[in-house]
Amino acid sequence: MAELIRSGVELMIVGMGIVFLFLTMLVIAIHFMSSLVQRFFPAEPQTTIPVPSVTSGIDKRTVAAITAAVHHYRDKHHLPK
């Protein structure tokens, strides 16, 4: 019986070692590929696109009504402002 338990423990240790080794190699490979991508394909600077102002064609009363409706909805549903 002790021989069977010893064999089971040995198999468990070997299996866990193989899984640990594989995961370690996977992490190293991912870091290596990440450094290659950053080296050969650097991130381009983000450009902000200006948003044109379209409020000039909307009636001020409409804007006020929409604003009031949004505030009422947020107050009713306890949403942050």
PDB file of N, CA and C in Angstrom:
ATOM      1  N   MET A   1       0.820  -1.198   0.000  1.00  0.00           N
ATOM      2  CA  MET A   1       0.000   0.000   0.000  1.00  0.00           C
ATOM      3  C   MET A   1       0.863   1.262   0.000  1.00  0.00           C
ATOM      4  N   ALA A   2       1.961   1.221   0.799  1.00  0.00           N
ATOM      5  CA  ALA A   2       2.855   2.369   0.870  1.00  0.00           C
ATOM      6  C   ALA A   2       3.532   2.612  -0.479  1.00  0.00           C
ATOM      7  N   GLU A   3       3.819   1.536  -1.192  1.00  0.00           N
ATOM      8  CA  GLU A   3       4.439   1.660  -2.522  1.00  0.00           C
ATOM      9  C   GLU A   3       3.502   2.377  -3.491  1.00  0.00           C
ATOM     10  N   LEU A   4       2.214   2.092  -3.408  1.00  0.00           N
ATOM     11  CA  LEU A   4       1.227   2.718  -4.287  1.00  0.00           C
ATOM     12  C   LEU A   4       1.096   4.212  -3.982  1.00  0.00           C
ATOM     13  N   ILE A   5       1.106   4.571  -2.709  1.00  0.00           N
ATOM     14  CA  ILE A   5       1.026   5.985  -2.317  1.00  0.00           C
ATOM     15  C   ILE A   5       2.284   6.717  -2.757  1.00  0.00           C
ATOM     16  N   ARG A   6       3.451   6.078  -2.583  1.00  0.00           N
ATOM     17  CA  ARG A   6       4.708   6.706  -3.004  1.00  0.00           C
ATOM     18  C   ARG A   6       4.722   6.936  -4.508  1.00  0.00           C
ATOM     19  N   SER A   7       4.220   5.993  -5.271  1.00  0.00           N
ATOM     20  CA  SER A   7       4.155   6.150  -6.730  1.00  0.00           C
ATOM     21  C   SER A   7       3.195   7.275  -7.105  1.00  0.00           C
ATOM     22  N   GLY A   8       2.082   7.363  -6.385  1.00  0.00           N
ATOM     23  CA  GLY A   8       1.123   8.433  -6.652  1.00  0.00           C
ATOM     24  C   GLY A   8       1.702   9.802  -6.362  1.00  0.00           C
ATOM     25  N   VAL A   9       2.424   9.932  -5.263  1.00  0.00           N
ATOM     26  CA  VAL A   9       3.055  11.206  -4.908  1.00  0.00           C
ATOM     27  C   VAL A   9       4.123  11.569  -5.930  1.00  0.00           C
ATOM     28  N   GLU A  10       4.917  10.579  -6.361  1.00  0.00           N
ATOM     29  CA  GLU A  10       5.944  10.844  -7.380  1.00  0.00           C
ATOM     30  C   GLU A  10       5.303  11.321  -8.683  1.00  0.00           C
ATOM     31  N   LEU A  11       4.225  10.666  -9.083  1.00  0.00           N
ATOM     32  CA  LEU A  11       3.528  11.054 -10.306  1.00  0.00           C
ATOM     33  C   LEU A  11       2.948  12.463 -10.172  1.00  0.00           C
ATOM     34  N   MET A  12       2.406  12.788  -8.995  1.00  0.00           N
ATOM     35  CA  MET A  12       1.868  14.120  -8.762  1.00  0.00           C
ATOM     36  C   MET A  12       2.962  15.190  -8.849  1.00  0.00           C
ATOM     37  N   ILE A  13       4.114  14.917  -8.235  1.00  0.00           N
ATOM     38  CA  ILE A  13       5.213  15.877  -8.256  1.00  0.00           C
ATOM     39  C   ILE A  13       5.734  16.065  -9.677  1.00  0.00           C
ATOM     40  N   VAL A  14       5.894  14.975 -10.420  1.00  0.00           N
ATOM     41  CA  VAL A  14       6.368  15.075 -11.806  1.00  0.00           C
ATOM     42  C   VAL A  14       5.355  15.847 -12.641  1.00  0.00           C
ATOM     43  N   GLY A  15       4.074  15.559 -12.480  1.00  0.00           N
ATOM     44  CA  GLY A  15       3.037  16.251 -13.253  1.00  0.00           C
ATOM     45  C   GLY A  15       2.978  17.732 -12.940  1.00  0.00           C
ATOM     46  N   MET A  16       3.032  18.071 -11.655  1.00  0.00           N
ATOM     47  CA  MET A  16       3.008  19.484 -11.273  1.00  0.00           C
ATOM     48  C   MET A  16       4.272  20.187 -11.746  1.00  0.00           C
ATOM     49  N   GLY A  17       5.404  19.495 -11.737  1.00  0.00           N
ATOM     50  CA  GLY A  17       6.649  20.091 -12.233  1.00  0.00           C
ATOM     51  C   GLY A  17       6.580  20.383 -13.715  1.00  0.00           C
ATOM     52  N   ILE A  18       6.005  19.451 -14.472  1.00  0.00           N
ATOM     53  CA  ILE A  18       5.875  19.665 -15.912  1.00  0.00           C
ATOM     54  C   ILE A  18       4.944  20.840 -16.200  1.00  0.00           C
ATOM     55  N   VAL A  19       3.828  20.920 -15.478  1.00  0.00           N
ATOM     56  CA  VAL A  19       2.899  22.040 -15.671  1.00  0.00           C
ATOM     57  C   VAL A  19       3.573  23.354 -15.304  1.00  0.00           C
ATOM     58  N   PHE A  20       4.305  23.384 -14.193  1.00  0.00           N
ATOM     59  CA  PHE A  20       5.007  24.600 -13.785  1.00  0.00           C
ATOM     60  C   PHE A  20       6.046  25.008 -14.826  1.00  0.00           C
ATOM     61  N   LEU A  21       6.783  24.040 -15.336  1.00  0.00           N
ATOM     62  CA  LEU A  21       7.788  24.312 -16.362  1.00  0.00           C
ATOM     63  C   LEU A  21       7.139  24.870 -17.627  1.00  0.00           C
ATOM     64  N   PHE A  22       6.025  24.277 -18.047  1.00  0.00           N
ATOM     65  CA  PHE A  22       5.329  24.748 -19.243  1.00  0.00           C
ATOM     66  C   PHE A  22       4.812  26.168 -19.050  1.00  0.00           C
ATOM     67  N   LEU A  23       4.216  26.447 -17.900  1.00  0.00           N
ATOM     68  CA  LEU A  23       3.699  27.795 -17.657  1.00  0.00           C
ATOM     69  C   LEU A  23       4.820  28.823 -17.583  1.00  0.00           C
ATOM     70  N   THR A  24       5.957  28.447 -17.009  1.00  0.00           N
ATOM     71  CA  THR A  24       7.108  29.349 -16.963  1.00  0.00           C
ATOM     72  C   THR A  24       7.610  29.653 -18.375  1.00  0.00           C
ATOM     73  N   MET A  25       7.704  28.621 -19.206  1.00  0.00           N
ATOM     74  CA  MET A  25       8.135  28.837 -20.591  1.00  0.00           C
ATOM     75  C   MET A  25       7.127  29.692 -21.347  1.00  0.00           C
ATOM     76  N   LEU A  26       5.845  29.529 -21.063  1.00  0.00           N
ATOM     77  CA  LEU A  26       4.806  30.322 -21.712  1.00  0.00           C
ATOM     78  C   LEU A  26       4.925  31.797 -21.338  1.00  0.00           C
ATOM     79  N   VAL A  27       5.166  32.078 -20.068  1.00  0.00           N
ATOM     80  CA  VAL A  27       5.337  33.464 -19.622  1.00  0.00           C
ATOM     81  C   VAL A  27       6.563  34.087 -20.277  1.00  0.00           C
ATOM     82  N   ILE A  28       7.658  33.348 -20.337  1.00  0.00           N
ATOM     83  CA  ILE A  28       8.877  33.864 -20.975  1.00  0.00           C
ATOM     84  C   ILE A  28       8.633  34.132 -22.458  1.00  0.00           C
ATOM     85  N   ALA A  29       7.940  33.218 -23.136  1.00  0.00           N
ATOM     86  CA  ALA A  29       7.657  33.408 -24.562  1.00  0.00           C
ATOM     87  C   ALA A  29       6.761  34.619 -24.794  1.00  0.00           C
ATOM     88  N   ILE A  30       5.781  34.821 -23.935  1.00  0.00           N
ATOM     89  CA  ILE A  30       4.888  35.978 -24.090  1.00  0.00           C
ATOM     90  C   ILE A  30       5.652  37.277 -23.878  1.00  0.00           C
ATOM     91  N   HIS A  31       6.525  37.323 -22.864  1.00  0.00           N
ATOM     92  CA  HIS A  31       7.339  38.525 -22.639  1.00  0.00           C
ATOM     93  C   HIS A  31       8.275  38.776 -23.825  1.00  0.00           C
ATOM     94  N   PHE A  32       8.853  37.740 -24.358  1.00  0.00           N
ATOM     95  CA  PHE A  32       9.750  37.876 -25.506  1.00  0.00           C
ATOM     96  C   PHE A  32       8.995  38.411 -26.721  1.00  0.00           C
ATOM     97  N   MET A  33       7.832  37.840 -27.010  1.00  0.00           N
ATOM     98  CA  MET A  33       7.048  38.307 -28.159  1.00  0.00           C
ATOM     99  C   MET A  33       6.573  39.741 -27.952  1.00  0.00           C
ATOM    100  N   SER A  34       6.214  40.088 -26.721  1.00  0.00           N
ATOM    101  CA  SER A  34       5.789  41.452 -26.430  1.00  0.00           C
ATOM    102  C   SER A  34       6.918  42.443 -26.672  1.00  0.00           C
ATOM    103  N   SER A  35       8.125  42.091 -26.253  1.00  0.00           N
ATOM    104  CA  SER A  35       9.255  42.994 -26.482  1.00  0.00           C
ATOM    105  C   SER A  35       9.569  43.112 -27.971  1.00  0.00           C
ATOM    106  N   LEU A  36       9.420  42.013 -28.733  1.00  0.00           N
ATOM    107  CA  LEU A  36       9.642  42.090 -30.183  1.00  0.00           C
ATOM    108  C   LEU A  36       8.622  43.002 -30.857  1.00  0.00           C
ATOM    109  N   VAL A  37       7.365  42.876 -30.478  1.00  0.00           N
ATOM    110  CA  VAL A  37       6.318  43.708 -31.076  1.00  0.00           C
ATOM    111  C   VAL A  37       6.562  45.172 -30.741  1.00  0.00           C
ATOM    112  N   GLN A  38       6.911  45.472 -29.497  1.00  0.00           N
ATOM    113  CA  GLN A  38       7.162  46.861 -29.120  1.00  0.00           C
ATOM    114  C   GLN A  38       8.399  47.417 -29.804  1.00  0.00           C
ATOM    115  N   ARG A  39       9.351  46.558 -30.108  1.00  0.00           N
ATOM    116  CA  ARG A  39      10.582  47.025 -30.741  1.00  0.00           C
ATOM    117  C   ARG A  39      10.376  47.317 -32.224  1.00  0.00           C
ATOM    118  N   PHE A  40       9.692  46.419 -32.931  1.00  0.00           N
ATOM    119  CA  PHE A  40       9.552  46.566 -34.376  1.00  0.00           C
ATOM    120  C   PHE A  40       8.285  47.304 -34.793  1.00  0.00           C
ATOM    121  N   PHE A  41       7.301  47.365 -33.927  1.00  0.00           N
ATOM    122  CA  PHE A  41       6.062  48.089 -34.218  1.00  0.00           C
ATOM    123  C   PHE A  41       5.724  49.005 -33.054  1.00  0.00           C
ATOM    124  N   PRO A  42       6.473  50.116 -32.918  1.00  0.00           N
ATOM    125  CA  PRO A  42       6.212  51.008 -31.779  1.00  0.00           C
ATOM    126  C   PRO A  42       4.831  51.652 -31.903  1.00  0.00           C
ATOM    127  N   ALA A  43       4.257  51.975 -30.760  1.00  0.00           N
ATOM    128  CA  ALA A  43       2.929  52.590 -30.738  1.00  0.00           C
ATOM    129  C   ALA A  43       3.023  54.002 -31.301  1.00  0.00           C
ATOM    130  N   GLU A  44       2.114  54.316 -32.195  1.00  0.00           N
ATOM    131  CA  GLU A  44       2.077  55.654 -32.763  1.00  0.00           C
ATOM    132  C   GLU A  44       1.398  56.593 -31.781  1.00  0.00           C
ATOM    133  N   PRO A  45       1.833  57.848 -31.747  1.00  0.00           N
ATOM    134  CA  PRO A  45       1.191  58.785 -30.818  1.00  0.00           C
ATOM    135  C   PRO A  45      -0.278  58.986 -31.187  1.00  0.00           C
ATOM    136  N   GLN A  46      -1.111  59.031 -30.175  1.00  0.00           N
ATOM    137  CA  GLN A  46      -2.540  59.195 -30.391  1.00  0.00           C
ATOM    138  C   GLN A  46      -2.829  60.653 -30.729  1.00  0.00           C
ATOM    139  N   THR A  47      -3.599  60.842 -31.764  1.00  0.00           N
ATOM    140  CA  THR A  47      -3.996  62.196 -32.131  1.00  0.00           C
ATOM    141  C   THR A  47      -5.447  62.391 -31.740  1.00  0.00           C
ATOM    142  N   THR A  48      -5.719  63.548 -31.201  1.00  0.00           N
ATOM    143  CA  THR A  48      -7.091  63.849 -30.815  1.00  0.00           C
ATOM    144  C   THR A  48      -7.793  64.521 -31.983  1.00  0.00           C
ATOM    145  N   ILE A  49      -8.981  64.080 -32.242  1.00  0.00           N
ATOM    146  CA  ILE A  49      -9.769  64.630 -33.331  1.00  0.00           C
ATOM    147  C   ILE A  49     -10.663  65.726 -32.755  1.00  0.00           C
ATOM    148  N   PRO A  50     -10.566  66.939 -33.265  1.00  0.00           N
ATOM    149  CA  PRO A  50     -11.416  67.999 -32.731  1.00  0.00           C
ATOM    150  C   PRO A  50     -12.889  67.731 -33.049  1.00  0.00           C
ATOM    151  N   VAL A  51     -13.717  67.904 -32.050  1.00  0.00           N
ATOM    152  CA  VAL A  51     -15.147  67.688 -32.222  1.00  0.00           C
ATOM    153  C   VAL A  51     -15.795  69.026 -32.551  1.00  0.00           C
ATOM    154  N   PRO A  52     -16.468  69.097 -33.687  1.00  0.00           N
ATOM    155  CA  PRO A  52     -17.087  70.376 -34.046  1.00  0.00           C
ATOM    156  C   PRO A  52     -18.276  70.674 -33.133  1.00  0.00           C
ATOM    157  N   SER A  53     -18.491  71.933 -32.905  1.00  0.00           N
ATOM    158  CA  SER A  53     -19.599  72.369 -32.062  1.00  0.00           C
ATOM    159  C   SER A  53     -20.872  72.412 -32.888  1.00  0.00           C
ATOM    160  N   VAL A  54     -21.891  71.677 -32.446  1.00  0.00           N
ATOM    161  CA  VAL A  54     -23.150  71.633 -33.192  1.00  0.00           C
ATOM    162  C   VAL A  54     -24.298  72.225 -32.384  1.00  0.00           C
ATOM    163  N   THR A  55     -23.989  72.864 -31.270  1.00  0.00           N
ATOM    164  CA  THR A  55     -25.051  73.399 -30.427  1.00  0.00           C
ATOM    165  C   THR A  55     -25.642  74.686 -30.985  1.00  0.00           C
ATOM    166  N   SER A  56     -24.997  75.273 -31.980  1.00  0.00           N
ATOM    167  CA  SER A  56     -25.502  76.542 -32.510  1.00  0.00           C
ATOM    168  C   SER A  56     -26.840  76.374 -33.225  1.00  0.00           C
ATOM    169  N   GLY A  57     -27.134  75.189 -33.780  1.00  0.00           N
ATOM    170  CA  GLY A  57     -28.377  74.995 -34.513  1.00  0.00           C
ATOM    171  C   GLY A  57     -29.506  74.443 -33.664  1.00  0.00           C
ATOM    172  N   ILE A  58     -29.255  74.196 -32.352  1.00  0.00           N
ATOM    173  CA  ILE A  58     -30.273  73.623 -31.486  1.00  0.00           C
ATOM    174  C   ILE A  58     -30.863  74.731 -30.620  1.00  0.00           C
ATOM    175  N   ASP A  59     -32.168  74.688 -30.480  1.00  0.00           N
ATOM    176  CA  ASP A  59     -32.872  75.680 -29.667  1.00  0.00           C
ATOM    177  C   ASP A  59     -32.452  75.538 -28.209  1.00  0.00           C
ATOM    178  N   LYS A  60     -32.272  76.648 -27.520  1.00  0.00           N
ATOM    179  CA  LYS A  60     -31.828  76.631 -26.131  1.00  0.00           C
ATOM    180  C   LYS A  60     -32.862  75.977 -25.226  1.00  0.00           C
ATOM    181  N   ARG A  61     -34.126  76.111 -25.560  1.00  0.00           N
ATOM    182  CA  ARG A  61     -35.166  75.479 -24.743  1.00  0.00           C
ATOM    183  C   ARG A  61     -35.088  73.957 -24.856  1.00  0.00           C
ATOM    184  N   THR A  62     -34.730  73.461 -26.046  1.00  0.00           N
ATOM    185  CA  THR A  62     -34.581  72.018 -26.242  1.00  0.00           C
ATOM    186  C   THR A  62     -33.410  71.490 -25.414  1.00  0.00           C
ATOM    187  N   VAL A  63     -32.304  72.206 -25.424  1.00  0.00           N
ATOM    188  CA  VAL A  63     -31.142  71.815 -24.642  1.00  0.00           C
ATOM    189  C   VAL A  63     -31.493  71.817 -23.156  1.00  0.00           C
ATOM    190  N   ALA A  64     -32.220  72.826 -22.704  1.00  0.00           N
ATOM    191  CA  ALA A  64     -32.626  72.902 -21.297  1.00  0.00           C
ATOM    192  C   ALA A  64     -33.543  71.741 -20.923  1.00  0.00           C
ATOM    193  N   ALA A  65     -34.463  71.377 -21.811  1.00  0.00           N
ATOM    194  CA  ALA A  65     -35.379  70.267 -21.540  1.00  0.00           C
ATOM    195  C   ALA A  65     -34.623  68.942 -21.458  1.00  0.00           C
ATOM    196  N   ILE A  66     -33.678  68.732 -22.366  1.00  0.00           N
ATOM    197  CA  ILE A  66     -32.890  67.500 -22.349  1.00  0.00           C
ATOM    198  C   ILE A  66     -32.042  67.428 -21.075  1.00  0.00           C
ATOM    199  N   THR A  67     -31.425  68.539 -20.711  1.00  0.00           N
ATOM    200  CA  THR A  67     -30.604  68.587 -19.502  1.00  0.00           C
ATOM    201  C   THR A  67     -31.441  68.280 -18.265  1.00  0.00           C
ATOM    202  N   ALA A  68     -32.641  68.869 -18.201  1.00  0.00           N
ATOM    203  CA  ALA A  68     -33.524  68.619 -17.059  1.00  0.00           C
ATOM    204  C   ALA A  68     -33.952  67.156 -17.012  1.00  0.00           C
ATOM    205  N   ALA A  69     -34.224  66.572 -18.154  1.00  0.00           N
ATOM    206  CA  ALA A  69     -34.632  65.168 -18.202  1.00  0.00           C
ATOM    207  C   ALA A  69     -33.498  64.252 -17.738  1.00  0.00           C
ATOM    208  N   VAL A  70     -32.273  64.548 -18.141  1.00  0.00           N
ATOM    209  CA  VAL A  70     -31.123  63.740 -17.729  1.00  0.00           C
ATOM    210  C   VAL A  70     -30.923  63.845 -16.224  1.00  0.00           C
ATOM    211  N   HIS A  71     -31.006  65.068 -15.684  1.00  0.00           N
ATOM    212  CA  HIS A  71     -30.851  65.241 -14.241  1.00  0.00           C
ATOM    213  C   HIS A  71     -31.952  64.519 -13.475  1.00  0.00           C
ATOM    214  N   HIS A  72     -33.175  64.596 -13.964  1.00  0.00           N
ATOM    215  CA  HIS A  72     -34.286  63.907 -13.311  1.00  0.00           C
ATOM    216  C   HIS A  72     -34.074  62.391 -13.333  1.00  0.00           C
ATOM    217  N   TYR A  73     -33.628  61.861 -14.448  1.00  0.00           N
ATOM    218  CA  TYR A  73     -33.382  60.412 -14.565  1.00  0.00           C
ATOM    219  C   TYR A  73     -32.285  59.975 -13.604  1.00  0.00           C
ATOM    220  N   ARG A  74     -31.205  60.756 -13.545  1.00  0.00           N
ATOM    221  CA  ARG A  74     -30.097  60.402 -12.654  1.00  0.00           C
ATOM    222  C   ARG A  74     -30.512  60.482 -11.189  1.00  0.00           C
ATOM    223  N   ASP A  75     -31.311  61.485 -10.837  1.00  0.00           N
ATOM    224  CA  ASP A  75     -31.780  61.589  -9.454  1.00  0.00           C
ATOM    225  C   ASP A  75     -32.711  60.431  -9.107  1.00  0.00           C
ATOM    226  N   LYS A  76     -33.577  60.053 -10.032  1.00  0.00           N
ATOM    227  CA  LYS A  76     -34.544  58.993  -9.792  1.00  0.00           C
ATOM    228  C   LYS A  76     -33.853  57.640  -9.612  1.00  0.00           C
ATOM    229  N   HIS A  77     -32.817  57.373 -10.389  1.00  0.00           N
ATOM    230  CA  HIS A  77     -32.128  56.083 -10.362  1.00  0.00           C
ATOM    231  C   HIS A  77     -30.841  56.096  -9.542  1.00  0.00           C
ATOM    232  N   HIS A  78     -30.619  57.181  -8.802  1.00  0.00           N
ATOM    233  CA  HIS A  78     -29.457  57.312  -7.918  1.00  0.00           C
ATOM    234  C   HIS A  78     -28.151  57.094  -8.652  1.00  0.00           C
ATOM    235  N   LEU A  79     -27.991  57.692  -9.803  1.00  0.00           N
ATOM    236  CA  LEU A  79     -26.764  57.595 -10.588  1.00  0.00           C
ATOM    237  C   LEU A  79     -25.862  58.789 -10.246  1.00  0.00           C
ATOM    238  N   PRO A  80     -24.536  58.605 -10.349  1.00  0.00           N
ATOM    239  CA  PRO A  80     -23.636  59.742 -10.076  1.00  0.00           C
ATOM    240  C   PRO A  80     -23.779  60.811 -11.133  1.00  0.00           C
ATOM    241  N   LYS A  81     -23.564  62.022 -10.697  1.00  0.00           N
ATOM    242  CA  LYS A  81     -23.692  63.169 -11.607  1.00  0.00           C
ATOM    243  C   LYS A  81     -22.390  63.480 -12.267  1.00  0.00           C
TER     244      LYS A  81
END
